[in-house]
C-alpha atoms as a PDB file:
ATOM      1  CA  MET A   1     100.234 179.071  78.316  1.00  0.00           C
ATOM      2  CA  ARG A   2      96.106 180.217  77.011  1.00  0.00           C
ATOM      3  CA  GLU A   3      95.995 182.092  80.340  1.00  0.00           C
ATOM      4  CA  GLU A   4      98.886 184.434  79.343  1.00  0.00           C
ATOM      5  CA  TYR A   5      97.603 185.093  76.228  1.00  0.00           C
ATOM      6  CA  GLY A   6      93.163 185.712  77.054  1.00  0.00           C
ATOM      7  CA  PHE A   7      93.437 188.725  74.698  1.00  0.00           C
ATOM      8  CA  VAL A   8      94.406 186.695  71.637  1.00  0.00           C
ATOM      9  CA  PRO A   9      90.791 185.351  69.971  1.00  0.00           C
ATOM     10  CA  ASP A  10      90.539 181.329  70.361  1.00  0.00           C
ATOM     11  CA  ASP A  11      91.195 180.742  66.704  1.00  0.00           C
ATOM     12  CA  THR A  12      93.850 183.086  66.485  1.00  0.00           C
ATOM     13  CA  PHE A  13      95.779 181.398  69.414  1.00  0.00           C
ATOM     14  CA  ARG A  14      95.232 177.483  68.295  1.00  0.00           C
ATOM     15  CA  GLU A  15      96.311 178.616  64.747  1.00  0.00           C
ATOM     16  CA  GLY A  16      99.640 180.541  66.655  1.00  0.00           C
ATOM     17  CA  ARG A  17     100.372 177.629  69.293  1.00  0.00           C
ATOM     18  CA  ALA A  18      99.676 175.054  66.443  1.00  0.00           C
ATOM     19  CA  ALA A  19     102.863 176.589  64.247  1.00  0.00           C
ATOM     20  CA  VAL A  20     104.876 176.547  67.229  1.00  0.00           C
ATOM     21  CA  LEU A  21     104.326 173.277  68.494  1.00  0.00           C
ATOM     22  CA  ARG A  22     105.446 172.112  64.565  1.00  0.00           C
ATOM     23  CA  GLN A  23     108.249 174.356  64.844  1.00  0.00           C
ATOM     24  CA  LEU A  24     108.986 172.333  67.842  1.00  0.00           C
ATOM     25  CA  LEU A  25     108.547 169.055  66.927  1.00  0.00           C
ATOM     26  CA  GLU A  26     110.821 169.584  62.935  1.00  0.00           C
ATOM     27  CA  LEU A  27     113.786 170.398  64.950  1.00  0.00           C
ATOM     28  CA  PRO A  28     116.377 167.246  65.148  1.00  0.00           C
ATOM     29  CA  ALA A  29     116.054 167.699  69.133  1.00  0.00           C
ATOM     30  CA  LEU A  30     114.403 169.332  71.884  1.00  0.00           C
ATOM     31  CA  PHE A  31     117.001 169.006  74.665  1.00  0.00           C
ATOM     32  CA  ARG A  32     120.880 170.652  73.735  1.00  0.00           C
ATOM     33  CA  THR A  33     122.141 167.928  76.145  1.00  0.00           C
ATOM     34  CA  PRO A  34     122.667 164.040  75.551  1.00  0.00           C
ATOM     35  CA  HIS A  35     121.135 163.749  78.971  1.00  0.00           C
ATOM     36  CA  GLY A  36     118.357 165.802  77.981  1.00  0.00           C
ATOM     37  CA  ARG A  37     117.795 163.934  75.423  1.00  0.00           C
ATOM     38  CA  ALA A  38     117.756 160.536  76.578  1.00  0.00           C
ATOM     39  CA  GLN A  39     115.600 161.315  79.609  1.00  0.00           C
ATOM     40  CA  TRP A  40     113.100 163.994  78.406  1.00  0.00           C
ATOM     41  CA  GLU A  41     112.509 163.953  74.421  1.00  0.00           C
ATOM     42  CA  ALA A  42     110.265 160.468  73.579  1.00  0.00           C
ATOM     43  CA  ARG A  43     108.080 162.509  76.146  1.00  0.00           C
ATOM     44  CA  ALA A  44     108.121 165.667  75.547  1.00  0.00           C
ATOM     45  CA  ARG A  45     107.474 164.784  71.508  1.00  0.00           C
ATOM     46  CA  GLN A  46     104.487 162.889  73.031  1.00  0.00           C
ATOM     47  CA  ASN A  47     103.134 165.531  74.730  1.00  0.00           C
ATOM     48  CA  LEU A  48     103.743 168.187  71.563  1.00  0.00           C
ATOM     49  CA  THR A  49     102.081 165.674  69.269  1.00  0.00           C
ATOM     50  CA  ALA A  50      98.799 165.635  71.933  1.00  0.00           C
ATOM     51  CA  GLU A  51      98.635 169.392  72.306  1.00  0.00           C
ATOM     52  CA  LEU A  52      98.774 169.843  68.526  1.00  0.00           C
ATOM     53  CA  ASP A  53      96.308 166.809  68.510  1.00  0.00           C
ATOM     54  CA  LEU A  54      94.095 169.071  70.476  1.00  0.00           C
ATOM     55  CA  LEU A  55      93.783 172.277  69.085  1.00  0.00           C
ATOM     56  CA  THR A  56      93.576 171.081  65.015  1.00  0.00           C
ATOM     57  CA  VAL A  57      90.430 168.815  65.765  1.00  0.00           C
END
Protein backbone atom coordinates (compact mmCIF):
# COMPACT_ATOMS: atom_id res chain seq x y z
CA MET A 1 0.00 0.00 0.00
CA ARG A 2 2.71 2.46 0.93
CA GLU A 3 4.49 2.00 -2.39
CA GLU A 4 1.37 3.06 -4.29
CA TYR A 5 1.31 6.30 -2.32
CA GLY A 6 5.04 6.94 -2.38
CA PHE A 7 4.44 10.53 -3.46
CA VAL A 8 2.61 11.27 -0.18
CA PRO A 9 4.78 12.47 2.73
CA ASP A 10 5.18 9.86 5.49
CA ASP A 11 3.31 11.78 8.19
CA THR A 12 0.39 12.48 5.88
CA PHE A 13 0.25 8.87 4.73
CA ARG A 14 0.28 7.55 8.30
CA GLU A 15 -2.54 9.88 9.33
CA GLY A 16 -4.65 9.02 6.30
CA ARG A 17 -4.04 5.29 6.52
CA ALA A 18 -4.81 5.28 10.24
CA ALA A 19 -8.10 7.08 9.54
CA VAL A 20 -9.07 4.45 6.96
CA LEU A 21 -8.20 1.63 9.35
CA ARG A 22 -10.27 3.22 12.14
CA GLN A 23 -13.24 3.53 9.77
CA LEU A 24 -12.94 -0.14 8.83
CA LEU A 25 -12.70 -1.21 12.47
CA GLU A 26 -15.86 0.78 13.28
CA LEU A 27 -17.90 -1.23 10.77
CA PRO A 28 -20.18 -3.85 12.30
CA ALA A 29 -18.73 -6.42 9.89
CA LEU A 30 -15.87 -6.44 7.40
CA PHE A 31 -17.34 -9.28 5.34
CA ARG A 32 -20.81 -9.44 3.83
CA THR A 33 -21.34 -13.17 3.90
CA PRO A 34 -21.78 -15.35 6.97
CA HIS A 35 -18.96 -17.55 5.70
CA GLY A 36 -16.58 -14.60 5.37
CA ARG A 37 -17.45 -13.34 8.81
CA ALA A 38 -17.02 -16.76 10.37
CA GLN A 39 -13.78 -17.58 8.56
CA TRP A 40 -11.91 -14.29 8.34
CA GLU A 41 -13.50 -11.55 10.47
CA ALA A 42 -11.52 -12.06 13.68
CA ARG A 43 -8.16 -12.37 11.93
CA ALA A 44 -8.87 -9.41 9.64
CA ARG A 45 -9.67 -7.24 12.65
CA GLN A 46 -6.46 -8.38 14.35
CA ASN A 47 -4.49 -7.43 11.23
CA LEU A 48 -6.12 -4.01 10.98
CA THR A 49 -5.52 -3.34 14.67
CA ALA A 50 -1.87 -4.41 14.40
CA GLU A 51 -1.29 -2.12 11.42
CA LEU A 52 -3.03 0.75 13.20
CA ASP A 53 -0.80 0.20 16.23
CA LEU A 54 2.31 0.38 14.03
CA LEU A 55 1.14 3.57 12.38
CA THR A 56 0.32 5.38 15.59
CA VAL A 57 3.36 4.47 17.70
